[in-house]
Each structure stands twice: as structure tokens, then as C-alpha cells.
Amino acid sequence: MFAIESFMNELALADGQDAIQFRLDHLKDNRGKAVIESAAAHLSDYQGIELAGFQYGRGLAFARYKNSKCYAAVGVILGIDQETFEISLQHAVISADAGQVIDMDGLTNQLEGGFIQAASWTLKETVRFGEYASISDNWDSYPILTFPEVPTVETIVLDQPDAPCLGAGEATQGPTPAAIGNAIFDATGIRIRDIPFLPERLRSLALK
């Protein structure tokens, strides 16, 4: 999903189109369109504080979990330190349609937890190797997203009381890396293709 939704933005750019409208123009499923439009609107409405020395960008990605379950669109606003290339998540928007909702709090927690877990994979997590084997052998040194690094998260659930319930187990994990990658491109013009998005990886691309 990371590759697909990153490439969707690249196709839209090559065709001179807005990336969100490009998705809508090529999607026939109205429920899919609805979550994209919802996430895009809430992302556009958000007005955060922008600090000097940072480049800011916004990105969005969409997926339908397992092609038959929950619809989810994830939008991200982030800042990139122009000196260190550290990536700071500022705000995230999740819009989802999981059919009829039985437990709104449970569904919301699942969607938000999936986003945070995937953001951690995308920005931090990596198994490191020495000459002969993995040197990532304890949890103390394994890099994960910390509490201060978690952005504000806004979740919109489009309830469908007359529709079947849809599974939402890992609905946000797929689109989250692409949303972050698309936001990085929006901020810097750099298309990063290797996860995790480490500062040194971003710096090397910027210097090419």
C-alpha cells in the first residue's frame, strides 16, 4: 500500500492534477470517495502552529482493508527540521467507514492505535545488523515513537447503520506510511522510498 499510494501521488503530479482529485476521478466506490473527501476536508481545515526552521507538508493516502473490509483515509501534517532533517508529526486525520458501528470507542481506538503503530514503523523502527547477525537484541535499544512524538489525532467515523459490519483490525496501518511519505514530498519535493524514514536517509536524498 505504501508503494501504491505513493505512486498515485506521482501519477497525479505527472498528469498535472491534484492528488486527491486524481484519486476521486479514478475511484468508482462511493464509500471510498466519502472517506477520502472527509479526511481531505478535515486536513484542510486544520491550522497548526508553524515554527521557524521547519518545512511543513500535508499528505493523504487511502486503502480498503483487505480490499473487502474497512475503508480508511489517513491525512498527515508534519514538519521537517531544515538542519537535522528530523521529521515531526504535527497532526493526523483518520476518516473511516467500517459499516455498522457496534462500539464507537473501540473502533476509534483501533484506528488511532493502528496509525500510531504504523507511524512508529515508518519513522523509527528498524532491525540493525552487524557483520554476521542482528545486533537488535533487546527492547531497551529498539527505536519506537515516544509519547511526546505522537501527534494530535482526529478520527471521523462514517457510520452505516443499515450496512453490514466490516472488519477494521489493521485498516490504518496500510495508508499511514504513504500519507507520511506524501507529506514529506509536499514539504521538501523529496520522494523517499525506503522505510524507515530516518533523518540521515532524508538528508542523503536532499544532497543528491
N, C-alpha and C. Protein backbone atom coordinates (compact mmCIF):
# COMPACT_ATOMS: atom_id res chain seq x y z
N MET A 1 0.82 -1.20 0.00
CA MET A 1 0.00 0.00 0.00
C MET A 1 0.86 1.26 0.00
N PHE A 2 1.99 1.20 0.71
CA PHE A 2 2.90 2.34 0.70
C PHE A 2 3.32 2.68 -0.72
N ALA A 3 3.70 1.66 -1.50
CA ALA A 3 4.13 1.91 -2.87
C ALA A 3 2.99 2.40 -3.75
N ILE A 4 1.83 1.78 -3.61
CA ILE A 4 0.69 2.14 -4.46
C ILE A 4 0.25 3.58 -4.21
N GLU A 5 0.08 3.94 -2.95
CA GLU A 5 -0.45 5.27 -2.64
C GLU A 5 0.60 6.36 -2.79
N SER A 6 1.88 6.01 -2.73
CA SER A 6 2.92 6.97 -3.08
C SER A 6 2.90 7.22 -4.58
N PHE A 7 2.77 6.13 -5.32
CA PHE A 7 2.79 6.24 -6.78
C PHE A 7 1.55 6.97 -7.31
N MET A 8 0.43 6.85 -6.61
CA MET A 8 -0.76 7.61 -7.00
C MET A 8 -0.45 9.10 -7.03
N ASN A 9 0.27 9.58 -6.01
CA ASN A 9 0.64 10.99 -5.99
C ASN A 9 1.61 11.33 -7.12
N GLU A 10 2.51 10.41 -7.43
CA GLU A 10 3.45 10.64 -8.52
C GLU A 10 2.73 10.70 -9.87
N LEU A 11 1.74 9.84 -10.05
CA LEU A 11 0.96 9.87 -11.28
C LEU A 11 0.18 11.17 -11.41
N ALA A 12 -0.42 11.60 -10.30
CA ALA A 12 -1.17 12.86 -10.32
C ALA A 12 -0.25 14.03 -10.67
N LEU A 13 0.95 14.05 -10.08
CA LEU A 13 1.91 15.12 -10.37
C LEU A 13 2.31 15.10 -11.84
N ALA A 14 2.58 13.91 -12.36
CA ALA A 14 2.99 13.79 -13.77
C ALA A 14 1.90 14.26 -14.72
N ASP A 15 0.63 14.10 -14.28
CA ASP A 15 -0.50 14.50 -15.11
C ASP A 15 -0.96 15.92 -14.81
N GLY A 16 -0.29 16.58 -13.89
CA GLY A 16 -0.63 17.97 -13.56
C GLY A 16 -1.94 18.11 -12.81
N GLN A 17 -2.29 17.09 -12.01
CA GLN A 17 -3.56 17.11 -11.29
C GLN A 17 -3.35 17.12 -9.78
N ASP A 18 -4.36 17.59 -9.08
CA ASP A 18 -4.38 17.49 -7.62
C ASP A 18 -4.47 16.02 -7.23
N ALA A 19 -3.66 15.61 -6.25
CA ALA A 19 -3.56 14.19 -5.91
C ALA A 19 -4.87 13.64 -5.35
N ILE A 20 -5.58 14.43 -4.58
CA ILE A 20 -6.85 13.96 -4.02
C ILE A 20 -7.91 13.84 -5.10
N GLN A 21 -8.00 14.85 -5.94
CA GLN A 21 -8.98 14.79 -7.03
C GLN A 21 -8.66 13.66 -8.00
N PHE A 22 -7.38 13.40 -8.20
CA PHE A 22 -6.95 12.31 -9.07
C PHE A 22 -7.48 10.98 -8.55
N ARG A 23 -7.41 10.78 -7.23
CA ARG A 23 -7.97 9.55 -6.64
C ARG A 23 -9.47 9.48 -6.86
N LEU A 24 -10.15 10.57 -6.59
CA LEU A 24 -11.61 10.58 -6.72
C LEU A 24 -12.04 10.30 -8.16
N ASP A 25 -11.28 10.82 -9.11
CA ASP A 25 -11.63 10.65 -10.51
C ASP A 25 -11.46 9.20 -10.97
N HIS A 26 -10.65 8.43 -10.27
CA HIS A 26 -10.37 7.06 -10.69
C HIS A 26 -10.94 6.01 -9.73
N LEU A 27 -11.82 6.45 -8.85
CA LEU A 27 -12.43 5.54 -7.89
C LEU A 27 -13.94 5.50 -8.11
N LYS A 28 -14.49 4.31 -8.28
CA LYS A 28 -15.92 4.17 -8.53
C LYS A 28 -16.73 3.94 -7.25
N ASP A 29 -16.09 3.49 -6.19
CA ASP A 29 -16.77 3.16 -4.94
C ASP A 29 -17.10 4.44 -4.17
N ASN A 30 -18.37 4.74 -4.02
CA ASN A 30 -18.77 5.99 -3.36
C ASN A 30 -18.39 6.03 -1.88
N ARG A 31 -18.33 4.88 -1.23
CA ARG A 31 -17.94 4.87 0.17
C ARG A 31 -16.45 5.18 0.30
N GLY A 32 -15.68 4.70 -0.64
CA GLY A 32 -14.27 5.06 -0.66
C GLY A 32 -14.08 6.55 -0.91
N LYS A 33 -14.83 7.09 -1.84
CA LYS A 33 -14.76 8.52 -2.11
C LYS A 33 -15.12 9.34 -0.89
N ALA A 34 -16.12 8.87 -0.15
CA ALA A 34 -16.59 9.63 1.02
C ALA A 34 -15.52 9.77 2.09
N VAL A 35 -14.77 8.69 2.35
CA VAL A 35 -13.74 8.79 3.39
C VAL A 35 -12.59 9.67 2.92
N ILE A 36 -12.26 9.62 1.63
CA ILE A 36 -11.21 10.50 1.11
C ILE A 36 -11.63 11.96 1.23
N GLU A 37 -12.85 12.26 0.82
CA GLU A 37 -13.34 13.65 0.88
C GLU A 37 -13.41 14.14 2.33
N SER A 38 -13.84 13.27 3.22
CA SER A 38 -13.93 13.65 4.63
C SER A 38 -12.55 13.95 5.22
N ALA A 39 -11.59 13.06 4.99
CA ALA A 39 -10.24 13.27 5.52
C ALA A 39 -9.61 14.52 4.92
N ALA A 40 -9.79 14.71 3.62
CA ALA A 40 -9.21 15.88 2.95
C ALA A 40 -9.78 17.18 3.50
N ALA A 41 -11.09 17.20 3.75
CA ALA A 41 -11.72 18.42 4.27
C ALA A 41 -11.22 18.75 5.67
N HIS A 42 -11.13 17.75 6.53
CA HIS A 42 -10.66 18.00 7.90
C HIS A 42 -9.18 18.35 7.92
N LEU A 43 -8.40 17.76 7.03
CA LEU A 43 -6.98 18.09 6.94
C LEU A 43 -6.81 19.54 6.50
N SER A 44 -7.61 19.96 5.55
CA SER A 44 -7.54 21.33 5.05
C SER A 44 -7.95 22.34 6.12
N ASP A 45 -8.90 21.96 6.97
CA ASP A 45 -9.40 22.88 8.00
C ASP A 45 -8.40 23.09 9.13
N TYR A 46 -7.48 22.15 9.33
CA TYR A 46 -6.58 22.23 10.48
C TYR A 46 -5.55 23.35 10.30
N GLN A 47 -5.44 24.19 11.29
CA GLN A 47 -4.47 25.27 11.29
C GLN A 47 -3.54 25.11 12.48
N GLY A 48 -2.35 24.59 12.24
CA GLY A 48 -1.39 24.37 13.31
C GLY A 48 -0.42 25.54 13.43
N ILE A 49 0.45 25.45 14.40
CA ILE A 49 1.49 26.45 14.61
C ILE A 49 2.74 26.02 13.85
N GLU A 50 3.23 26.87 12.97
CA GLU A 50 4.42 26.56 12.20
C GLU A 50 5.62 27.30 12.79
N LEU A 51 6.67 26.56 13.08
CA LEU A 51 7.86 27.11 13.70
C LEU A 51 8.92 27.44 12.66
N ALA A 52 9.72 28.48 12.94
CA ALA A 52 10.82 28.84 12.04
C ALA A 52 11.83 27.70 12.00
N GLY A 53 12.41 27.50 10.84
CA GLY A 53 13.42 26.46 10.69
C GLY A 53 12.85 25.11 10.28
N PHE A 54 11.53 25.05 10.10
CA PHE A 54 10.89 23.80 9.68
C PHE A 54 10.21 24.00 8.33
N GLN A 55 10.22 22.95 7.52
CA GLN A 55 9.40 22.89 6.32
C GLN A 55 8.19 22.03 6.63
N TYR A 56 7.00 22.50 6.23
CA TYR A 56 5.77 21.79 6.56
C TYR A 56 5.10 21.25 5.30
N GLY A 57 4.48 20.09 5.46
CA GLY A 57 3.78 19.49 4.35
C GLY A 57 2.57 18.69 4.81
N ARG A 58 1.66 18.44 3.86
CA ARG A 58 0.45 17.66 4.12
C ARG A 58 0.36 16.53 3.11
N GLY A 59 -0.07 15.37 3.58
CA GLY A 59 -0.19 14.23 2.69
C GLY A 59 -1.39 13.38 3.06
N LEU A 60 -1.92 12.65 2.09
CA LEU A 60 -3.09 11.80 2.31
C LEU A 60 -2.90 10.49 1.56
N ALA A 61 -3.45 9.43 2.11
CA ALA A 61 -3.45 8.14 1.43
C ALA A 61 -4.73 7.39 1.81
N PHE A 62 -5.12 6.46 0.95
CA PHE A 62 -6.38 5.73 1.12
C PHE A 62 -6.17 4.24 0.88
N ALA A 63 -6.92 3.43 1.60
CA ALA A 63 -6.93 1.99 1.33
C ALA A 63 -8.23 1.40 1.84
N ARG A 64 -8.62 0.28 1.23
CA ARG A 64 -9.69 -0.53 1.79
C ARG A 64 -9.04 -1.79 2.34
N TYR A 65 -9.18 -1.99 3.63
CA TYR A 65 -8.52 -3.09 4.32
C TYR A 65 -8.90 -4.43 3.69
N LYS A 66 -7.88 -5.17 3.26
CA LYS A 66 -8.04 -6.47 2.61
C LYS A 66 -8.95 -6.41 1.37
N ASN A 67 -9.12 -5.23 0.83
CA ASN A 67 -9.95 -5.00 -0.36
C ASN A 67 -11.43 -5.34 -0.17
N SER A 68 -11.82 -5.64 1.07
CA SER A 68 -13.22 -6.00 1.30
C SER A 68 -13.74 -5.55 2.67
N LYS A 69 -12.87 -4.96 3.48
CA LYS A 69 -13.26 -4.59 4.84
C LYS A 69 -13.35 -3.07 4.97
N CYS A 70 -12.85 -2.54 6.07
CA CYS A 70 -12.99 -1.12 6.40
C CYS A 70 -12.30 -0.22 5.37
N TYR A 71 -13.00 0.87 5.02
CA TYR A 71 -12.41 1.92 4.20
C TYR A 71 -11.70 2.90 5.13
N ALA A 72 -10.49 3.32 4.77
CA ALA A 72 -9.77 4.26 5.63
C ALA A 72 -8.93 5.22 4.80
N ALA A 73 -9.07 6.49 5.09
CA ALA A 73 -8.20 7.52 4.52
C ALA A 73 -7.45 8.17 5.68
N VAL A 74 -6.15 8.33 5.52
CA VAL A 74 -5.31 8.93 6.55
C VAL A 74 -4.65 10.18 5.98
N GLY A 75 -4.77 11.27 6.71
CA GLY A 75 -4.10 12.52 6.34
C GLY A 75 -3.11 12.91 7.41
N VAL A 76 -2.00 13.49 7.00
CA VAL A 76 -0.92 13.82 7.94
C VAL A 76 -0.40 15.23 7.64
N ILE A 77 -0.13 15.97 8.71
CA ILE A 77 0.61 17.23 8.63
C ILE A 77 1.88 17.05 9.44
N LEU A 78 3.01 17.39 8.85
CA LEU A 78 4.28 17.20 9.54
C LEU A 78 5.23 18.35 9.24
N GLY A 79 6.25 18.45 10.08
CA GLY A 79 7.31 19.42 9.88
C GLY A 79 8.65 18.72 9.82
N ILE A 80 9.56 19.28 9.04
CA ILE A 80 10.91 18.72 8.90
C ILE A 80 11.92 19.79 9.25
N ASP A 81 12.77 19.49 10.23
CA ASP A 81 13.82 20.42 10.65
C ASP A 81 14.80 20.59 9.49
N GLN A 82 15.01 21.82 9.07
CA GLN A 82 15.84 22.07 7.89
C GLN A 82 17.32 21.80 8.14
N GLU A 83 17.73 21.73 9.39
CA GLU A 83 19.13 21.44 9.70
C GLU A 83 19.36 19.96 9.99
N THR A 84 18.52 19.37 10.82
CA THR A 84 18.74 17.98 11.24
C THR A 84 17.99 16.96 10.40
N PHE A 85 16.99 17.42 9.65
CA PHE A 85 16.11 16.56 8.84
C PHE A 85 15.26 15.63 9.71
N GLU A 86 15.14 15.94 11.00
CA GLU A 86 14.22 15.21 11.86
C GLU A 86 12.79 15.49 11.41
N ILE A 87 11.96 14.45 11.39
CA ILE A 87 10.57 14.58 10.98
C ILE A 87 9.69 14.61 12.21
N SER A 88 8.86 15.63 12.31
CA SER A 88 7.97 15.80 13.46
C SER A 88 6.52 15.77 13.01
N LEU A 89 5.79 14.76 13.44
CA LEU A 89 4.36 14.69 13.12
C LEU A 89 3.61 15.74 13.92
N GLN A 90 2.78 16.52 13.24
CA GLN A 90 2.04 17.57 13.91
C GLN A 90 0.58 17.19 14.16
N HIS A 91 -0.06 16.67 13.15
CA HIS A 91 -1.48 16.36 13.25
C HIS A 91 -1.82 15.24 12.27
N ALA A 92 -2.78 14.40 12.65
CA ALA A 92 -3.26 13.34 11.76
C ALA A 92 -4.78 13.33 11.74
N VAL A 93 -5.32 13.01 10.58
CA VAL A 93 -6.77 12.86 10.42
C VAL A 93 -7.03 11.46 9.89
N ILE A 94 -7.95 10.77 10.52
CA ILE A 94 -8.39 9.46 10.04
C ILE A 94 -9.88 9.54 9.73
N SER A 95 -10.25 9.15 8.53
CA SER A 95 -11.67 9.03 8.20
C SER A 95 -11.92 7.60 7.78
N ALA A 96 -12.91 6.97 8.41
CA ALA A 96 -13.11 5.54 8.17
C ALA A 96 -14.59 5.18 8.07
N ASP A 97 -14.85 4.15 7.30
CA ASP A 97 -16.19 3.57 7.15
C ASP A 97 -16.04 2.07 7.39
N ALA A 98 -16.51 1.62 8.54
CA ALA A 98 -16.45 0.20 8.89
C ALA A 98 -17.83 -0.42 8.89
N GLY A 99 -18.75 0.16 8.11
CA GLY A 99 -20.11 -0.34 8.08
C GLY A 99 -20.86 0.06 9.34
N GLN A 100 -21.77 -0.80 9.79
CA GLN A 100 -22.50 -0.53 11.03
C GLN A 100 -21.53 -0.58 12.21
N VAL A 101 -21.58 0.46 13.05
CA VAL A 101 -20.67 0.54 14.18
C VAL A 101 -21.36 0.01 15.44
N ILE A 102 -20.75 -0.96 16.09
CA ILE A 102 -21.28 -1.52 17.33
C ILE A 102 -20.67 -0.82 18.54
N ASP A 103 -19.37 -0.56 18.49
CA ASP A 103 -18.66 0.05 19.61
C ASP A 103 -17.81 1.20 19.06
N MET A 104 -18.33 2.41 19.13
CA MET A 104 -17.65 3.56 18.54
C MET A 104 -16.29 3.81 19.20
N ASP A 105 -16.22 3.74 20.51
CA ASP A 105 -14.94 3.96 21.20
C ASP A 105 -13.92 2.89 20.82
N GLY A 106 -14.37 1.64 20.77
CA GLY A 106 -13.47 0.56 20.41
C GLY A 106 -12.93 0.72 19.00
N LEU A 107 -13.80 1.08 18.06
CA LEU A 107 -13.38 1.27 16.67
C LEU A 107 -12.41 2.44 16.56
N THR A 108 -12.72 3.54 17.23
CA THR A 108 -11.85 4.70 17.20
C THR A 108 -10.47 4.38 17.76
N ASN A 109 -10.45 3.67 18.89
CA ASN A 109 -9.16 3.29 19.48
C ASN A 109 -8.36 2.39 18.53
N GLN A 110 -9.05 1.49 17.86
CA GLN A 110 -8.37 0.58 16.93
C GLN A 110 -7.75 1.36 15.77
N LEU A 111 -8.49 2.30 15.22
CA LEU A 111 -8.00 3.09 14.09
C LEU A 111 -6.83 3.97 14.50
N GLU A 112 -6.95 4.62 15.65
CA GLU A 112 -5.89 5.52 16.11
C GLU A 112 -4.65 4.74 16.53
N GLY A 113 -4.85 3.60 17.21
CA GLY A 113 -3.72 2.77 17.58
C GLY A 113 -2.96 2.26 16.38
N GLY A 114 -3.70 1.89 15.34
CA GLY A 114 -3.06 1.44 14.10
C GLY A 114 -2.23 2.52 13.46
N PHE A 115 -2.76 3.74 13.47
CA PHE A 115 -2.00 4.86 12.91
C PHE A 115 -0.69 5.07 13.68
N ILE A 116 -0.78 5.10 15.01
CA ILE A 116 0.41 5.36 15.82
C ILE A 116 1.45 4.25 15.64
N GLN A 117 0.98 3.00 15.61
CA GLN A 117 1.90 1.89 15.40
C GLN A 117 2.59 2.01 14.04
N ALA A 118 1.81 2.30 13.00
CA ALA A 118 2.40 2.41 11.67
C ALA A 118 3.32 3.62 11.55
N ALA A 119 2.98 4.71 12.23
CA ALA A 119 3.87 5.89 12.23
C ALA A 119 5.21 5.55 12.87
N SER A 120 5.17 4.73 13.91
CA SER A 120 6.40 4.29 14.56
C SER A 120 7.24 3.44 13.62
N TRP A 121 6.61 2.50 12.93
CA TRP A 121 7.33 1.70 11.93
C TRP A 121 7.99 2.61 10.90
N THR A 122 7.21 3.58 10.44
CA THR A 122 7.61 4.40 9.31
C THR A 122 8.77 5.34 9.64
N LEU A 123 8.77 5.89 10.84
CA LEU A 123 9.75 6.91 11.19
C LEU A 123 10.92 6.39 12.01
N LYS A 124 10.76 5.25 12.69
CA LYS A 124 11.76 4.86 13.68
C LYS A 124 12.27 3.43 13.56
N GLU A 125 11.36 2.49 13.41
CA GLU A 125 11.69 1.10 13.72
C GLU A 125 12.53 0.44 12.63
N THR A 126 13.61 -0.17 13.07
CA THR A 126 14.47 -0.91 12.16
C THR A 126 15.30 -1.91 12.95
N VAL A 127 15.49 -3.08 12.38
CA VAL A 127 16.38 -4.08 12.97
C VAL A 127 17.77 -3.83 12.39
N ARG A 128 18.74 -3.69 13.26
CA ARG A 128 20.11 -3.38 12.82
C ARG A 128 20.95 -4.66 12.81
N PHE A 129 21.88 -4.71 11.86
CA PHE A 129 22.71 -5.89 11.68
C PHE A 129 24.18 -5.55 11.79
N GLY A 130 24.93 -6.45 12.42
CA GLY A 130 26.38 -6.38 12.42
C GLY A 130 26.92 -7.18 11.25
N GLU A 131 28.16 -7.61 11.36
CA GLU A 131 28.79 -8.32 10.25
C GLU A 131 28.14 -9.69 10.01
N TYR A 132 27.70 -10.34 11.10
CA TYR A 132 27.23 -11.71 10.97
C TYR A 132 25.77 -11.92 11.39
N ALA A 133 25.22 -11.02 12.17
CA ALA A 133 23.87 -11.27 12.71
C ALA A 133 23.23 -9.96 13.15
N SER A 134 21.98 -10.07 13.56
CA SER A 134 21.27 -8.91 14.08
C SER A 134 21.90 -8.45 15.39
N ILE A 135 22.04 -7.14 15.54
CA ILE A 135 22.52 -6.58 16.79
C ILE A 135 21.37 -5.89 17.55
N SER A 136 20.17 -6.02 17.01
CA SER A 136 18.97 -5.53 17.73
C SER A 136 18.48 -6.67 18.61
N ASP A 137 19.03 -6.78 19.81
CA ASP A 137 18.75 -7.95 20.64
C ASP A 137 18.06 -7.62 21.96
N ASN A 138 17.58 -6.35 22.12
CA ASN A 138 16.83 -6.02 23.33
C ASN A 138 15.88 -4.87 23.03
N TRP A 139 14.83 -4.78 23.85
CA TRP A 139 13.81 -3.74 23.63
C TRP A 139 14.27 -2.38 24.11
N ASP A 140 15.25 -2.33 25.00
CA ASP A 140 15.72 -1.04 25.52
C ASP A 140 16.31 -0.17 24.42
N SER A 141 16.99 -0.79 23.48
CA SER A 141 17.65 -0.02 22.42
C SER A 141 16.86 0.02 21.12
N TYR A 142 15.73 -0.68 21.08
CA TYR A 142 14.93 -0.70 19.85
C TYR A 142 14.16 0.61 19.71
N PRO A 143 14.27 1.30 18.57
CA PRO A 143 13.66 2.63 18.44
C PRO A 143 12.16 2.57 18.15
N ILE A 144 11.38 3.28 18.94
CA ILE A 144 9.94 3.40 18.69
C ILE A 144 9.52 4.85 18.91
N LEU A 145 8.36 5.19 18.39
CA LEU A 145 7.80 6.52 18.59
C LEU A 145 7.49 6.73 20.06
N THR A 146 7.93 7.84 20.63
CA THR A 146 7.71 8.12 22.05
C THR A 146 6.44 8.96 22.23
N PHE A 147 5.95 9.02 23.47
CA PHE A 147 4.73 9.78 23.73
C PHE A 147 4.82 11.23 23.25
N PRO A 148 5.91 11.97 23.51
CA PRO A 148 5.97 13.37 23.04
C PRO A 148 5.95 13.50 21.53
N GLU A 149 6.28 12.41 20.81
CA GLU A 149 6.34 12.47 19.36
C GLU A 149 5.01 12.12 18.69
N VAL A 150 4.04 11.68 19.47
CA VAL A 150 2.73 11.33 18.92
C VAL A 150 1.95 12.61 18.61
N PRO A 151 1.44 12.76 17.40
CA PRO A 151 0.71 13.98 17.05
C PRO A 151 -0.72 13.96 17.61
N THR A 152 -1.39 15.08 17.51
CA THR A 152 -2.82 15.08 17.75
C THR A 152 -3.48 14.27 16.64
N VAL A 153 -4.52 13.52 17.00
CA VAL A 153 -5.19 12.66 16.03
C VAL A 153 -6.69 12.94 16.07
N GLU A 154 -7.25 13.21 14.91
CA GLU A 154 -8.69 13.46 14.76
C GLU A 154 -9.29 12.32 13.95
N THR A 155 -10.29 11.66 14.52
CA THR A 155 -10.88 10.50 13.85
C THR A 155 -12.34 10.74 13.54
N ILE A 156 -12.70 10.53 12.30
CA ILE A 156 -14.08 10.68 11.84
C ILE A 156 -14.56 9.31 11.37
N VAL A 157 -15.60 8.80 11.98
CA VAL A 157 -16.17 7.52 11.59
C VAL A 157 -17.49 7.76 10.87
N LEU A 158 -17.58 7.28 9.65
CA LEU A 158 -18.81 7.41 8.86
C LEU A 158 -19.66 6.17 9.11
N ASP A 159 -20.55 6.27 10.05
CA ASP A 159 -21.37 5.12 10.44
C ASP A 159 -22.37 4.77 9.33
N GLN A 160 -22.54 3.48 9.12
CA GLN A 160 -23.50 2.99 8.12
C GLN A 160 -24.45 2.03 8.84
N PRO A 161 -25.46 2.54 9.56
CA PRO A 161 -26.29 1.68 10.40
C PRO A 161 -27.06 0.60 9.65
N ASP A 162 -27.27 0.77 8.36
CA ASP A 162 -28.02 -0.22 7.58
C ASP A 162 -27.11 -1.16 6.78
N ALA A 163 -25.79 -1.03 6.98
CA ALA A 163 -24.84 -1.86 6.24
C ALA A 163 -24.21 -2.91 7.14
N PRO A 164 -23.68 -3.97 6.58
CA PRO A 164 -23.00 -4.98 7.41
C PRO A 164 -21.78 -4.39 8.11
N CYS A 165 -21.43 -4.96 9.25
CA CYS A 165 -20.20 -4.57 9.95
C CYS A 165 -19.00 -5.02 9.11
N LEU A 166 -17.97 -4.19 9.10
CA LEU A 166 -16.75 -4.52 8.37
C LEU A 166 -15.58 -4.59 9.34
N GLY A 167 -14.69 -5.52 9.14
CA GLY A 167 -13.51 -5.63 10.00
C GLY A 167 -12.61 -4.42 9.83
N ALA A 168 -12.04 -3.95 10.95
CA ALA A 168 -11.19 -2.77 10.91
C ALA A 168 -9.85 -3.01 11.60
N GLY A 169 -9.45 -4.29 11.70
CA GLY A 169 -8.29 -4.64 12.51
C GLY A 169 -7.03 -3.84 12.22
N GLU A 170 -6.60 -3.75 10.95
CA GLU A 170 -5.39 -3.02 10.60
C GLU A 170 -5.66 -2.07 9.44
N ALA A 171 -6.79 -1.39 9.51
CA ALA A 171 -7.23 -0.56 8.39
C ALA A 171 -6.34 0.65 8.17
N THR A 172 -5.75 1.20 9.24
CA THR A 172 -4.94 2.41 9.08
C THR A 172 -3.46 2.13 8.89
N GLN A 173 -3.02 0.90 9.15
CA GLN A 173 -1.59 0.61 9.01
C GLN A 173 -1.12 0.73 7.56
N GLY A 174 -1.97 0.37 6.60
CA GLY A 174 -1.58 0.44 5.20
C GLY A 174 -1.38 1.86 4.68
N PRO A 175 -2.37 2.74 4.83
CA PRO A 175 -2.22 4.08 4.26
C PRO A 175 -1.30 5.02 5.03
N THR A 176 -1.01 4.74 6.30
CA THR A 176 -0.23 5.68 7.10
C THR A 176 1.16 5.96 6.53
N PRO A 177 1.98 4.95 6.19
CA PRO A 177 3.30 5.28 5.64
C PRO A 177 3.24 6.12 4.37
N ALA A 178 2.27 5.83 3.51
CA ALA A 178 2.15 6.60 2.27
C ALA A 178 1.73 8.04 2.57
N ALA A 179 0.83 8.23 3.52
CA ALA A 179 0.42 9.60 3.89
C ALA A 179 1.62 10.39 4.39
N ILE A 180 2.46 9.76 5.21
CA ILE A 180 3.66 10.43 5.72
C ILE A 180 4.63 10.72 4.57
N GLY A 181 4.83 9.74 3.69
CA GLY A 181 5.72 9.95 2.55
C GLY A 181 5.22 11.05 1.63
N ASN A 182 3.92 11.10 1.42
CA ASN A 182 3.35 12.15 0.57
C ASN A 182 3.48 13.53 1.21
N ALA A 183 3.38 13.59 2.55
CA ALA A 183 3.57 14.85 3.25
C ALA A 183 5.02 15.31 3.19
N ILE A 184 5.95 14.37 3.27
CA ILE A 184 7.37 14.72 3.13
C ILE A 184 7.64 15.31 1.75
N PHE A 185 7.05 14.70 0.73
CA PHE A 185 7.23 15.24 -0.63
C PHE A 185 6.63 16.63 -0.73
N ASP A 186 5.47 16.83 -0.14
CA ASP A 186 4.82 18.14 -0.17
C ASP A 186 5.70 19.20 0.50
N ALA A 187 6.39 18.81 1.57
CA ALA A 187 7.23 19.76 2.31
C ALA A 187 8.54 20.04 1.60
N THR A 188 9.13 19.01 0.97
CA THR A 188 10.51 19.13 0.51
C THR A 188 10.72 18.89 -0.98
N GLY A 189 9.75 18.25 -1.63
CA GLY A 189 9.96 17.84 -3.01
C GLY A 189 10.80 16.58 -3.13
N ILE A 190 11.05 15.92 -2.00
CA ILE A 190 11.85 14.69 -1.99
C ILE A 190 10.92 13.49 -1.88
N ARG A 191 11.08 12.53 -2.77
CA ARG A 191 10.30 11.30 -2.72
C ARG A 191 11.16 10.21 -2.07
N ILE A 192 10.81 9.87 -0.84
CA ILE A 192 11.56 8.86 -0.10
C ILE A 192 10.85 7.51 -0.27
N ARG A 193 11.62 6.48 -0.59
CA ARG A 193 11.03 5.19 -0.96
C ARG A 193 11.39 4.05 -0.02
N ASP A 194 12.25 4.31 0.95
CA ASP A 194 12.70 3.26 1.86
C ASP A 194 12.27 3.56 3.28
N ILE A 195 11.57 2.60 3.89
CA ILE A 195 11.15 2.72 5.29
C ILE A 195 12.19 2.04 6.17
N PRO A 196 12.56 2.61 7.32
CA PRO A 196 12.00 3.80 7.95
C PRO A 196 12.58 5.10 7.35
N PHE A 197 11.84 6.19 7.53
CA PHE A 197 12.25 7.49 7.02
C PHE A 197 13.19 8.15 8.02
N LEU A 198 14.40 7.67 8.07
CA LEU A 198 15.38 8.18 9.03
C LEU A 198 15.94 9.52 8.55
N PRO A 199 16.31 10.41 9.47
CA PRO A 199 16.86 11.71 9.08
C PRO A 199 18.06 11.61 8.14
N GLU A 200 18.97 10.64 8.41
CA GLU A 200 20.15 10.51 7.56
C GLU A 200 19.77 10.06 6.15
N ARG A 201 18.71 9.29 6.03
CA ARG A 201 18.24 8.85 4.71
C ARG A 201 17.66 10.03 3.95
N LEU A 202 16.90 10.86 4.65
CA LEU A 202 16.32 12.04 4.02
C LEU A 202 17.41 13.05 3.64
N ARG A 203 18.39 13.20 4.53
CA ARG A 203 19.49 14.13 4.22
C ARG A 203 20.26 13.69 2.97
N SER A 204 20.53 12.40 2.84
CA SER A 204 21.28 11.92 1.68
C SER A 204 20.53 12.18 0.39
N LEU A 205 19.20 12.05 0.42
CA LEU A 205 18.39 12.34 -0.76
C LEU A 205 18.38 13.82 -1.07
N ALA A 206 18.36 14.64 -0.03
CA ALA A 206 18.34 16.10 -0.23
C ALA A 206 19.63 16.60 -0.85
N LEU A 207 20.74 15.92 -0.58
CA LEU A 207 22.04 16.36 -1.05
C LEU A 207 22.38 15.83 -2.44
N LYS A 208 21.53 14.96 -2.97
CA LYS A 208 21.80 14.42 -4.32
C LYS A 208 21.53 15.47 -5.38
